[in-house]
Amino acid sequence: MIVHPPSILAGFLCGALGVGLFTWRALRRRTARAIEAERRAQAAERLAELGSMTSGLAHEIKNPLSTLTLNAQLLREEILDSELPEETRATVSRRVDALARESARLKDILSDFLQFAGRMKLDPQPHDLGAIVHELADFFHPQADSAGVLMRVDVPGMPVMARVDAGLLKQALLNLAINAVQAMNPEGRAAPGERQGELLLRLEFNSLGDEARLSVIDNGPGIPAERRATIFRPYASTKPGGSGLGLATTRRIVEEHGGTVKLFNGPGGGTCFTLCLPLHGPSVTPASPSP
C-alpha cells in the first residue's frame, strides 16, 4: 500500500475540486446561455405573431374606411342635390365633409403604418443618385412653391452611381422634404412672391468613393435638443394630424440599404438630415418578391 504524503494528497484534492468547480461553472453558464437564447427566440416569435396580427388588423380596418370615404362623398352629392332648406344642406354637408376627411386621414395613417411595419423588400439596382435627386425635386417643386419655399439642388457634375432601390430612396427623401417645408411654413400656403424659407437638396460622396451623402437642408427653426433623442421613433411627431412615421420610415429605408441617418442643427437655426449610403448597395441579399 502506497501512502502519499499529506501535502500531495491535499494538492490532488484541491486540484480535483478546482476542476469540478470550473466544470460546474462552465455548465451553469452554458445552461444560462441556452435558456436566454430560448427566451429570445420565444420573444421574437411572439413579436412576429403580434406584427402579423396588427398588420392583418390594419388591413381589415383600411378596407372599410375606403368604402366609408366613398359613401360619404356620394352622400354629400345627394345632399347638395336634395330639396332640403339651404341652411340644413350646408350644415349636413359640412358634417359629411368632416366625416370624409377623417376617414381619409385614418386611411393614410393605416397606409403609413403598413409601409413601416410590413416587410420591406428592396430591389437594389445601379442608379445615378444625381438623377434621383433631380426627379424628386421636379416632383416636389410645386408643393415647395405653394408653401413659399425656394428649393435648390446641388449635385456633382458627374454621375454618382450606387445600388439602391430608387422608389424607396425617393420616399425617404420626400419624407424629409415634406417635414422641412412644414417646419418652415406650418400653414402650407403662402401668398404669391412671399418667401417662407429655403430648402437645399445636396449630393456628395466621400474621398474614398465608397459612400454617398444625400442631405436635405432647411433654414427653419431647427429641432429642439429635447426632441433629438426621440425624433426617429414611431409616433413621435408633434405635428397636428401627422402619422409620426415619416422619419421612422426614412431611417428604416436607409438602414435597409446598409446606411445611416445623421441629424445636424445649424448654429443659427435650420436643420440638416444626411443620408449616408454605401455605393455598393445593401450588404445582404434582398428578399425576392412574394408570388
C-alpha atoms as a PDB file:
ATOM      1  CA  MET A   1       0.000   0.000   0.000  1.00  0.00           C
ATOM      2  CA  ILE A   2       1.401   3.365  -1.051  1.00  0.00           C
ATOM      3  CA  VAL A   3       0.924   6.177   1.417  1.00  0.00           C
ATOM      4  CA  HIS A   4       1.018   9.664  -0.102  1.00  0.00           C
ATOM      5  CA  PRO A   5       2.379  12.490   1.944  1.00  0.00           C
ATOM      6  CA  PRO A   6      -0.416  14.774   3.243  1.00  0.00           C
ATOM      7  CA  SER A   7       0.767  17.726   1.117  1.00  0.00           C
ATOM      8  CA  ILE A   8       0.490  15.701  -2.117  1.00  0.00           C
ATOM      9  CA  LEU A   9      -2.949  14.361  -1.201  1.00  0.00           C
ATOM     10  CA  ALA A  10      -4.209  17.810  -0.281  1.00  0.00           C
ATOM     11  CA  GLY A  11      -2.904  19.208  -3.580  1.00  0.00           C
ATOM     12  CA  PHE A  12      -4.632  16.454  -5.514  1.00  0.00           C
ATOM     13  CA  LEU A  13      -7.929  17.040  -3.740  1.00  0.00           C
ATOM     14  CA  CYS A  14      -7.683  20.819  -4.277  1.00  0.00           C
ATOM     15  CA  GLY A  15      -6.948  20.288  -7.974  1.00  0.00           C
ATOM     16  CA  ALA A  16      -9.875  17.911  -8.396  1.00  0.00           C
ATOM     17  CA  LEU A  17     -12.131  20.311  -6.535  1.00  0.00           C
ATOM     18  CA  GLY A  18     -10.930  23.182  -8.742  1.00  0.00           C
ATOM     19  CA  VAL A  19     -11.590  21.214 -11.944  1.00  0.00           C
ATOM     20  CA  GLY A  20     -15.021  20.208 -10.696  1.00  0.00           C
ATOM     21  CA  LEU A  21     -15.865  23.786  -9.739  1.00  0.00           C
ATOM     22  CA  PHE A  22     -14.677  25.089 -13.122  1.00  0.00           C
ATOM     23  CA  THR A  23     -16.737  22.431 -14.928  1.00  0.00           C
ATOM     24  CA  TRP A  24     -19.817  23.235 -12.836  1.00  0.00           C
ATOM     25  CA  ARG A  25     -19.478  26.956 -13.545  1.00  0.00           C
ATOM     26  CA  ALA A  26     -18.993  26.307 -17.278  1.00  0.00           C
ATOM     27  CA  LEU A  27     -22.103  24.112 -17.386  1.00  0.00           C
ATOM     28  CA  ARG A  28     -24.030  26.740 -15.438  1.00  0.00           C
ATOM     29  CA  ARG A  29     -23.008  29.476 -17.890  1.00  0.00           C
ATOM     30  CA  ARG A  30     -23.842  27.225 -20.854  1.00  0.00           C
ATOM     31  CA  THR A  31     -27.251  26.419 -19.404  1.00  0.00           C
ATOM     32  CA  ALA A  32     -27.932  30.107 -18.722  1.00  0.00           C
ATOM     33  CA  ARG A  33     -26.992  30.995 -22.300  1.00  0.00           C
ATOM     34  CA  ALA A  34     -29.257  28.260 -23.656  1.00  0.00           C
ATOM     35  CA  ILE A  35     -32.168  29.479 -21.514  1.00  0.00           C
ATOM     36  CA  GLU A  36     -31.561  33.084 -22.617  1.00  0.00           C
ATOM     37  CA  ALA A  37     -31.377  32.052 -26.276  1.00  0.00           C
ATOM     38  CA  GLU A  38     -34.643  30.148 -25.924  1.00  0.00           C
ATOM     39  CA  ARG A  39     -36.249  33.165 -24.215  1.00  0.00           C
ATOM     40  CA  ARG A  40     -35.121  35.472 -27.029  1.00  0.00           C
ATOM     41  CA  ALA A  41     -36.412  33.037 -29.650  1.00  0.00           C
ATOM     42  CA  GLN A  42     -39.793  32.871 -27.926  1.00  0.00           C
ATOM     43  CA  ALA A  43     -39.919  36.668 -27.631  1.00  0.00           C
ATOM     44  CA  ALA A  44     -39.034  37.051 -31.329  1.00  0.00           C
ATOM     45  CA  GLU A  45     -41.749  34.540 -32.240  1.00  0.00           C
ATOM     46  CA  ARG A  46     -44.320  36.434 -30.149  1.00  0.00           C
ATOM     47  CA  LEU A  47     -43.279  39.730 -31.758  1.00  0.00           C
ATOM     48  CA  ALA A  48     -43.586  38.179 -35.217  1.00  0.00           C
ATOM     49  CA  GLU A  49     -47.067  36.902 -34.356  1.00  0.00           C
ATOM     50  CA  LEU A  50     -48.029  40.309 -32.945  1.00  0.00           C
ATOM     51  CA  GLY A  51     -46.693  42.030 -36.066  1.00  0.00           C
ATOM     52  CA  SER A  52     -48.682  39.701 -38.298  1.00  0.00           C
ATOM     53  CA  MET A  53     -51.833  40.266 -36.228  1.00  0.00           C
ATOM     54  CA  THR A  54     -51.518  44.073 -36.216  1.00  0.00           C
ATOM     55  CA  SER A  55     -50.776  44.138 -39.935  1.00  0.00           C
ATOM     56  CA  GLY A  56     -53.829  41.999 -40.632  1.00  0.00           C
ATOM     57  CA  LEU A  57     -55.953  44.172 -38.348  1.00  0.00           C
ATOM     58  CA  ALA A  58     -54.762  47.314 -40.129  1.00  0.00           C
ATOM     59  CA  HIS A  59     -55.763  45.789 -43.483  1.00  0.00           C
ATOM     60  CA  GLU A  60     -59.181  44.837 -42.113  1.00  0.00           C
ATOM     61  CA  ILE A  61     -59.749  48.412 -40.900  1.00  0.00           C
ATOM     62  CA  LYS A  62     -58.367  50.084 -44.016  1.00  0.00           C
ATOM     63  CA  ASN A  63     -60.737  48.394 -46.469  1.00  0.00           C
ATOM     64  CA  PRO A  64     -63.988  49.508 -44.753  1.00  0.00           C
ATOM     65  CA  LEU A  65     -62.542  53.008 -44.417  1.00  0.00           C
ATOM     66  CA  SER A  66     -62.231  53.214 -48.196  1.00  0.00           C
ATOM     67  CA  THR A  67     -65.898  52.276 -48.517  1.00  0.00           C
ATOM     68  CA  LEU A  68     -66.847  54.758 -45.820  1.00  0.00           C
ATOM     69  CA  THR A  69     -64.985  57.593 -47.565  1.00  0.00           C
ATOM     70  CA  LEU A  70     -66.578  56.799 -50.912  1.00  0.00           C
ATOM     71  CA  ASN A  71     -70.083  56.638 -49.430  1.00  0.00           C
ATOM     72  CA  ALA A  72     -69.535  59.928 -47.592  1.00  0.00           C
ATOM     73  CA  GLN A  73     -68.652  61.572 -50.910  1.00  0.00           C
ATOM     74  CA  LEU A  74     -71.754  60.113 -52.597  1.00  0.00           C
ATOM     75  CA  LEU A  75     -73.919  61.195 -49.663  1.00  0.00           C
ATOM     76  CA  ARG A  76     -72.591  64.743 -49.930  1.00  0.00           C
ATOM     77  CA  GLU A  77     -73.567  64.883 -53.617  1.00  0.00           C
ATOM     78  CA  GLU A  78     -77.079  63.651 -52.812  1.00  0.00           C
ATOM     79  CA  ILE A  79     -77.447  66.246 -50.042  1.00  0.00           C
ATOM     80  CA  LEU A  80     -76.406  69.051 -52.369  1.00  0.00           C
ATOM     81  CA  ASP A  81     -78.927  67.854 -54.970  1.00  0.00           C
ATOM     82  CA  SER A  82     -81.722  67.460 -52.422  1.00  0.00           C
ATOM     83  CA  GLU A  83     -84.591  69.833 -51.744  1.00  0.00           C
ATOM     84  CA  LEU A  84     -83.596  70.419 -48.142  1.00  0.00           C
ATOM     85  CA  PRO A  85     -83.511  74.033 -46.931  1.00  0.00           C
ATOM     86  CA  GLU A  86     -80.248  75.794 -47.829  1.00  0.00           C
ATOM     87  CA  GLU A  87     -79.149  76.167 -44.214  1.00  0.00           C
ATOM     88  CA  THR A  88     -79.802  72.494 -43.481  1.00  0.00           C
ATOM     89  CA  ARG A  89     -77.987  71.408 -46.641  1.00  0.00           C
ATOM     90  CA  ALA A  90     -74.941  73.486 -45.686  1.00  0.00           C
ATOM     91  CA  THR A  91     -74.852  72.122 -42.115  1.00  0.00           C
ATOM     92  CA  VAL A  92     -75.239  68.467 -43.115  1.00  0.00           C
ATOM     93  CA  SER A  93     -72.766  68.889 -45.969  1.00  0.00           C
ATOM     94  CA  ARG A  94     -70.113  70.234 -43.588  1.00  0.00           C
ATOM     95  CA  ARG A  95     -70.597  67.290 -41.263  1.00  0.00           C
ATOM     96  CA  VAL A  96     -70.347  64.797 -44.108  1.00  0.00           C
ATOM     97  CA  ASP A  97     -67.185  66.570 -45.345  1.00  0.00           C
ATOM     98  CA  ALA A  98     -65.674  66.231 -41.871  1.00  0.00           C
ATOM     99  CA  LEU A  99     -66.548  62.526 -41.871  1.00  0.00           C
ATOM    100  CA  ALA A 100     -64.919  62.036 -45.278  1.00  0.00           C
ATOM    101  CA  ARG A 101     -61.774  63.949 -44.245  1.00  0.00           C
ATOM    102  CA  GLU A 102     -61.308  61.966 -41.034  1.00  0.00           C
ATOM    103  CA  SER A 103     -61.907  58.679 -42.845  1.00  0.00           C
ATOM    104  CA  ALA A 104     -59.300  59.610 -45.460  1.00  0.00           C
ATOM    105  CA  ARG A 105     -56.875  60.678 -42.723  1.00  0.00           C
ATOM    106  CA  LEU A 106     -57.272  57.364 -40.892  1.00  0.00           C
ATOM    107  CA  LYS A 107     -56.755  55.523 -44.156  1.00  0.00           C
ATOM    108  CA  ASP A 108     -53.493  57.444 -44.727  1.00  0.00           C
ATOM    109  CA  ILE A 109     -52.341  56.651 -41.174  1.00  0.00           C
ATOM    110  CA  LEU A 110     -53.010  52.950 -41.742  1.00  0.00           C
ATOM    111  CA  SER A 111     -51.170  53.060 -45.078  1.00  0.00           C
ATOM    112  CA  ASP A 112     -48.139  54.620 -43.375  1.00  0.00           C
ATOM    113  CA  PHE A 113     -48.303  52.011 -40.625  1.00  0.00           C
ATOM    114  CA  LEU A 114     -48.465  49.129 -43.092  1.00  0.00           C
ATOM    115  CA  GLN A 115     -45.500  50.525 -45.011  1.00  0.00           C
ATOM    116  CA  PHE A 116     -43.483  50.907 -41.804  1.00  0.00           C
ATOM    117  CA  ALA A 117     -44.449  47.660 -40.075  1.00  0.00           C
ATOM    118  CA  GLY A 118     -44.515  45.434 -43.150  1.00  0.00           C
ATOM    119  CA  ARG A 119     -41.609  43.552 -44.610  1.00  0.00           C
ATOM    120  CA  MET A 120     -39.557  45.947 -46.701  1.00  0.00           C
ATOM    121  CA  LYS A 121     -38.444  44.321 -49.953  1.00  0.00           C
ATOM    122  CA  LEU A 122     -35.592  46.161 -51.597  1.00  0.00           C
ATOM    123  CA  ASP A 123     -34.862  45.896 -55.297  1.00  0.00           C
ATOM    124  CA  PRO A 124     -31.391  47.498 -55.483  1.00  0.00           C
ATOM    125  CA  GLN A 125     -30.272  48.379 -58.986  1.00  0.00           C
ATOM    126  CA  PRO A 126     -27.488  50.660 -60.304  1.00  0.00           C
ATOM    127  CA  HIS A 127     -28.812  54.250 -60.373  1.00  0.00           C
ATOM    128  CA  ASP A 128     -27.354  57.711 -60.714  1.00  0.00           C
ATOM    129  CA  LEU A 129     -28.123  59.355 -57.376  1.00  0.00           C
ATOM    130  CA  GLY A 130     -27.983  62.782 -59.007  1.00  0.00           C
ATOM    131  CA  ALA A 131     -30.792  61.798 -61.359  1.00  0.00           C
ATOM    132  CA  ILE A 132     -32.859  60.550 -58.403  1.00  0.00           C
ATOM    133  CA  VAL A 133     -32.396  63.888 -56.612  1.00  0.00           C
ATOM    134  CA  HIS A 134     -33.444  65.833 -59.735  1.00  0.00           C
ATOM    135  CA  GLU A 135     -36.511  63.612 -60.247  1.00  0.00           C
ATOM    136  CA  LEU A 136     -37.582  64.172 -56.645  1.00  0.00           C
ATOM    137  CA  ALA A 137     -37.015  67.924 -56.981  1.00  0.00           C
ATOM    138  CA  ASP A 138     -39.160  68.069 -60.134  1.00  0.00           C
ATOM    139  CA  PHE A 139     -41.936  66.188 -58.354  1.00  0.00           C
ATOM    140  CA  PHE A 140     -41.795  68.246 -55.134  1.00  0.00           C
ATOM    141  CA  HIS A 141     -41.234  71.646 -56.739  1.00  0.00           C
ATOM    142  CA  PRO A 142     -44.946  72.631 -56.959  1.00  0.00           C
ATOM    143  CA  GLN A 143     -45.512  71.873 -53.259  1.00  0.00           C
ATOM    144  CA  ALA A 144     -42.453  73.881 -52.236  1.00  0.00           C
ATOM    145  CA  ASP A 145     -43.529  76.816 -54.422  1.00  0.00           C
ATOM    146  CA  SER A 146     -47.033  76.728 -52.967  1.00  0.00           C
ATOM    147  CA  ALA A 147     -45.565  76.997 -49.453  1.00  0.00           C
ATOM    148  CA  GLY A 148     -43.288  79.869 -50.452  1.00  0.00           C
ATOM    149  CA  VAL A 149     -40.129  77.771 -50.109  1.00  0.00           C
ATOM    150  CA  LEU A 150     -37.239  78.248 -52.534  1.00  0.00           C
ATOM    151  CA  MET A 151     -35.848  74.829 -53.418  1.00  0.00           C
ATOM    152  CA  ARG A 152     -32.347  74.351 -54.799  1.00  0.00           C
ATOM    153  CA  VAL A 153     -30.380  71.300 -55.912  1.00  0.00           C
ATOM    154  CA  ASP A 154     -26.637  70.816 -55.544  1.00  0.00           C
ATOM    155  CA  VAL A 155     -25.251  67.648 -57.178  1.00  0.00           C
ATOM    156  CA  PRO A 156     -21.858  66.798 -58.704  1.00  0.00           C
ATOM    157  CA  GLY A 157     -21.367  67.326 -62.425  1.00  0.00           C
ATOM    158  CA  MET A 158     -20.551  63.645 -62.864  1.00  0.00           C
ATOM    159  CA  PRO A 159     -22.832  60.622 -62.279  1.00  0.00           C
ATOM    160  CA  VAL A 160     -22.738  59.140 -58.773  1.00  0.00           C
ATOM    161  CA  MET A 161     -23.691  55.513 -59.320  1.00  0.00           C
ATOM    162  CA  ALA A 162     -24.998  53.398 -56.444  1.00  0.00           C
ATOM    163  CA  ARG A 163     -27.001  50.206 -55.960  1.00  0.00           C
ATOM    164  CA  VAL A 164     -30.245  51.442 -54.437  1.00  0.00           C
ATOM    165  CA  ASP A 165     -33.964  50.906 -54.581  1.00  0.00           C
ATOM    166  CA  ALA A 166     -34.847  54.151 -56.378  1.00  0.00           C
ATOM    167  CA  GLY A 167     -38.510  54.187 -55.337  1.00  0.00           C
ATOM    168  CA  LEU A 168     -37.810  53.683 -51.637  1.00  0.00           C
ATOM    169  CA  LEU A 169     -34.936  56.161 -51.658  1.00  0.00           C
ATOM    170  CA  LYS A 170     -37.185  58.826 -53.208  1.00  0.00           C
ATOM    171  CA  GLN A 171     -39.734  58.090 -50.482  1.00  0.00           C
ATOM    172  CA  ALA A 172     -37.094  58.595 -47.792  1.00  0.00           C
ATOM    173  CA  LEU A 173     -36.026  61.935 -49.302  1.00  0.00           C
ATOM    174  CA  LEU A 174     -39.641  63.010 -49.858  1.00  0.00           C
ATOM    175  CA  ASN A 175     -40.461  62.434 -46.173  1.00  0.00           C
ATOM    176  CA  LEU A 176     -37.578  64.730 -45.207  1.00  0.00           C
ATOM    177  CA  ALA A 177     -38.525  67.375 -47.773  1.00  0.00           C
ATOM    178  CA  ILE A 178     -42.147  67.426 -46.575  1.00  0.00           C
ATOM    179  CA  ASN A 179     -41.026  67.777 -42.947  1.00  0.00           C
ATOM    180  CA  ALA A 180     -38.657  70.605 -43.873  1.00  0.00           C
ATOM    181  CA  VAL A 181     -41.347  72.593 -45.708  1.00  0.00           C
ATOM    182  CA  GLN A 182     -43.844  72.059 -42.889  1.00  0.00           C
ATOM    183  CA  ALA A 183     -41.254  73.260 -40.361  1.00  0.00           C
ATOM    184  CA  MET A 184     -40.656  76.449 -42.350  1.00  0.00           C
ATOM    185  CA  ASN A 185     -44.329  77.049 -43.146  1.00  0.00           C
ATOM    186  CA  PRO A 186     -46.763  75.065 -40.948  1.00  0.00           C
ATOM    187  CA  GLU A 187     -49.725  76.543 -42.837  1.00  0.00           C
ATOM    188  CA  GLY A 188     -48.521  75.015 -46.112  1.00  0.00           C
ATOM    189  CA  ARG A 189     -49.603  78.040 -48.165  1.00  0.00           C
ATOM    190  CA  ALA A 190     -48.014  81.375 -48.950  1.00  0.00           C
ATOM    191  CA  ALA A 191     -49.063  84.471 -50.832  1.00  0.00           C
ATOM    192  CA  PRO A 192     -47.575  84.862 -54.334  1.00  0.00           C
ATOM    193  CA  GLY A 193     -43.991  86.106 -54.035  1.00  0.00           C
ATOM    194  CA  GLU A 194     -43.887  85.554 -50.253  1.00  0.00           C
ATOM    195  CA  ARG A 195     -40.731  83.770 -49.120  1.00  0.00           C
ATOM    196  CA  GLN A 196     -41.043  81.411 -46.129  1.00  0.00           C
ATOM    197  CA  GLY A 197     -37.690  79.660 -46.308  1.00  0.00           C
ATOM    198  CA  GLU A 198     -35.142  77.784 -48.399  1.00  0.00           C
ATOM    199  CA  LEU A 199     -34.668  74.078 -48.996  1.00  0.00           C
ATOM    200  CA  LEU A 200     -31.469  72.545 -50.370  1.00  0.00           C
ATOM    201  CA  LEU A 201     -31.091  69.002 -51.697  1.00  0.00           C
ATOM    202  CA  ARG A 202     -27.376  68.189 -51.793  1.00  0.00           C
ATOM    203  CA  LEU A 203     -25.481  65.134 -53.035  1.00  0.00           C
ATOM    204  CA  GLU A 204     -21.832  64.468 -52.128  1.00  0.00           C
ATOM    205  CA  PHE A 205     -19.543  61.466 -51.945  1.00  0.00           C
ATOM    206  CA  ASN A 206     -16.569  60.831 -49.686  1.00  0.00           C
ATOM    207  CA  SER A 207     -12.931  60.883 -50.771  1.00  0.00           C
ATOM    208  CA  LEU A 208     -12.709  57.071 -50.781  1.00  0.00           C
ATOM    209  CA  GLY A 209     -15.550  56.865 -53.273  1.00  0.00           C
ATOM    210  CA  ASP A 210     -17.456  54.208 -51.310  1.00  0.00           C
ATOM    211  CA  GLU A 211     -20.158  56.309 -49.659  1.00  0.00           C
ATOM    212  CA  ALA A 212     -22.657  58.891 -50.871  1.00  0.00           C
ATOM    213  CA  ARG A 213     -24.217  61.576 -48.690  1.00  0.00           C
ATOM    214  CA  LEU A 214     -27.672  62.885 -49.517  1.00  0.00           C
ATOM    215  CA  SER A 215     -28.608  65.920 -47.428  1.00  0.00           C
ATOM    216  CA  VAL A 216     -31.914  67.730 -47.006  1.00  0.00           C
ATOM    217  CA  ILE A 217     -31.161  71.155 -45.521  1.00  0.00           C
ATOM    218  CA  ASP A 218     -33.591  73.875 -44.465  1.00  0.00           C
ATOM    219  CA  ASN A 219     -33.312  77.227 -42.720  1.00  0.00           C
ATOM    220  CA  GLY A 220     -36.314  76.698 -40.455  1.00  0.00           C
ATOM    221  CA  PRO A 221     -36.429  76.900 -36.651  1.00  0.00           C
ATOM    222  CA  GLY A 222     -34.375  73.748 -36.109  1.00  0.00           C
ATOM    223  CA  ILE A 223     -35.142  70.826 -33.810  1.00  0.00           C
ATOM    224  CA  PRO A 224     -35.116  71.348 -30.021  1.00  0.00           C
ATOM    225  CA  ALA A 225     -32.443  69.423 -28.150  1.00  0.00           C
ATOM    226  CA  GLU A 226     -35.026  67.545 -26.074  1.00  0.00           C
ATOM    227  CA  ARG A 227     -36.573  66.063 -29.235  1.00  0.00           C
ATOM    228  CA  ARG A 228     -33.384  64.922 -30.924  1.00  0.00           C
ATOM    229  CA  ALA A 229     -33.213  61.650 -28.966  1.00  0.00           C
ATOM    230  CA  THR A 230     -36.749  60.589 -29.892  1.00  0.00           C
ATOM    231  CA  ILE A 231     -37.300  62.142 -33.310  1.00  0.00           C
ATOM    232  CA  PHE A 232     -36.789  58.881 -35.229  1.00  0.00           C
ATOM    233  CA  ARG A 233     -39.131  56.877 -33.019  1.00  0.00           C
ATOM    234  CA  PRO A 234     -42.531  55.878 -34.426  1.00  0.00           C
ATOM    235  CA  TYR A 235     -45.368  58.228 -33.477  1.00  0.00           C
ATOM    236  CA  ALA A 236     -43.009  60.834 -32.046  1.00  0.00           C
ATOM    237  CA  SER A 237     -44.458  63.566 -34.282  1.00  0.00           C
ATOM    238  CA  THR A 238     -45.699  66.816 -32.710  1.00  0.00           C
ATOM    239  CA  LYS A 239     -47.431  67.976 -35.911  1.00  0.00           C
ATOM    240  CA  PRO A 240     -51.233  68.079 -35.775  1.00  0.00           C
ATOM    241  CA  GLY A 241     -52.617  65.314 -37.961  1.00  0.00           C
ATOM    242  CA  GLY A 242     -49.203  63.781 -38.623  1.00  0.00           C
ATOM    243  CA  SER A 243     -48.819  59.997 -38.616  1.00  0.00           C
ATOM    244  CA  GLY A 244     -45.491  60.158 -36.788  1.00  0.00           C
ATOM    245  CA  LEU A 245     -43.979  57.530 -39.095  1.00  0.00           C
ATOM    246  CA  GLY A 246     -42.248  59.656 -41.743  1.00  0.00           C
ATOM    247  CA  LEU A 247     -38.831  59.905 -40.083  1.00  0.00           C
ATOM    248  CA  ALA A 248     -39.040  56.361 -38.702  1.00  0.00           C
ATOM    249  CA  THR A 249     -39.747  55.062 -42.209  1.00  0.00           C
ATOM    250  CA  THR A 250     -36.905  57.132 -43.663  1.00  0.00           C
ATOM    251  CA  ARG A 251     -34.446  55.691 -41.159  1.00  0.00           C
ATOM    252  CA  ARG A 252     -35.640  52.168 -41.833  1.00  0.00           C
ATOM    253  CA  ILE A 253     -35.258  52.595 -45.603  1.00  0.00           C
ATOM    254  CA  VAL A 254     -31.719  53.917 -45.180  1.00  0.00           C
ATOM    255  CA  GLU A 255     -30.746  51.166 -42.735  1.00  0.00           C
ATOM    256  CA  GLU A 256     -32.143  48.514 -45.103  1.00  0.00           C
ATOM    257  CA  HIS A 257     -29.666  49.941 -47.650  1.00  0.00           C
ATOM    258  CA  GLY A 258     -26.848  49.474 -45.116  1.00  0.00           C
ATOM    259  CA  GLY A 259     -26.614  53.208 -44.388  1.00  0.00           C
ATOM    260  CA  THR A 260     -27.248  55.634 -41.542  1.00  0.00           C
ATOM    261  CA  VAL A 261     -29.149  58.884 -40.994  1.00  0.00           C
ATOM    262  CA  LYS A 262     -27.446  61.816 -39.283  1.00  0.00           C
ATOM    263  CA  LEU A 263     -29.109  64.931 -37.892  1.00  0.00           C
ATOM    264  CA  PHE A 264     -27.430  68.319 -37.555  1.00  0.00           C
ATOM    265  CA  ASN A 265     -28.776  71.636 -36.331  1.00  0.00           C
ATOM    266  CA  GLY A 266     -27.331  74.794 -37.846  1.00  0.00           C
ATOM    267  CA  PRO A 267     -25.694  77.312 -35.456  1.00  0.00           C
ATOM    268  CA  GLY A 268     -28.201  79.979 -36.443  1.00  0.00           C
ATOM    269  CA  GLY A 269     -31.190  77.679 -36.882  1.00  0.00           C
ATOM    270  CA  GLY A 270     -32.172  75.265 -39.584  1.00  0.00           C
ATOM    271  CA  THR A 271     -31.847  71.509 -39.840  1.00  0.00           C
ATOM    272  CA  CYS A 272     -29.779  69.117 -41.940  1.00  0.00           C
ATOM    273  CA  PHE A 273     -30.668  65.451 -42.344  1.00  0.00           C
ATOM    274  CA  THR A 274     -27.923  63.481 -44.085  1.00  0.00           C
ATOM    275  CA  LEU A 275     -28.423  60.006 -45.509  1.00  0.00           C
ATOM    276  CA  CYS A 276     -25.094  58.149 -45.648  1.00  0.00           C
ATOM    277  CA  LEU A 277     -25.368  55.313 -48.171  1.00  0.00           C
ATOM    278  CA  PRO A 278     -22.780  52.750 -49.308  1.00  0.00           C
ATOM    279  CA  LEU A 279     -22.373  52.966 -53.068  1.00  0.00           C
ATOM    280  CA  HIS A 280     -22.089  49.181 -53.388  1.00  0.00           C
ATOM    281  CA  GLY A 281     -25.614  48.757 -52.019  1.00  0.00           C
ATOM    282  CA  PRO A 282     -27.012  46.590 -49.199  1.00  0.00           C
ATOM    283  CA  SER A 283     -24.663  44.010 -47.772  1.00  0.00           C
ATOM    284  CA  VAL A 284     -27.396  41.351 -47.631  1.00  0.00           C
ATOM    285  CA  THR A 285     -29.205  39.716 -50.498  1.00  0.00           C
ATOM    286  CA  PRO A 286     -32.615  41.371 -50.923  1.00  0.00           C
ATOM    287  CA  ALA A 287     -35.700  39.239 -50.405  1.00  0.00           C
ATOM    288  CA  SER A 288     -37.435  38.096 -53.542  1.00  0.00           C
ATOM    289  CA  PRO A 289     -40.944  39.460 -54.080  1.00  0.00           C
ATOM    290  CA  SER A 290     -43.807  37.356 -52.856  1.00  0.00           C
ATOM    291  CA  PRO A 291     -45.577  35.380 -55.573  1.00  0.00           C
END
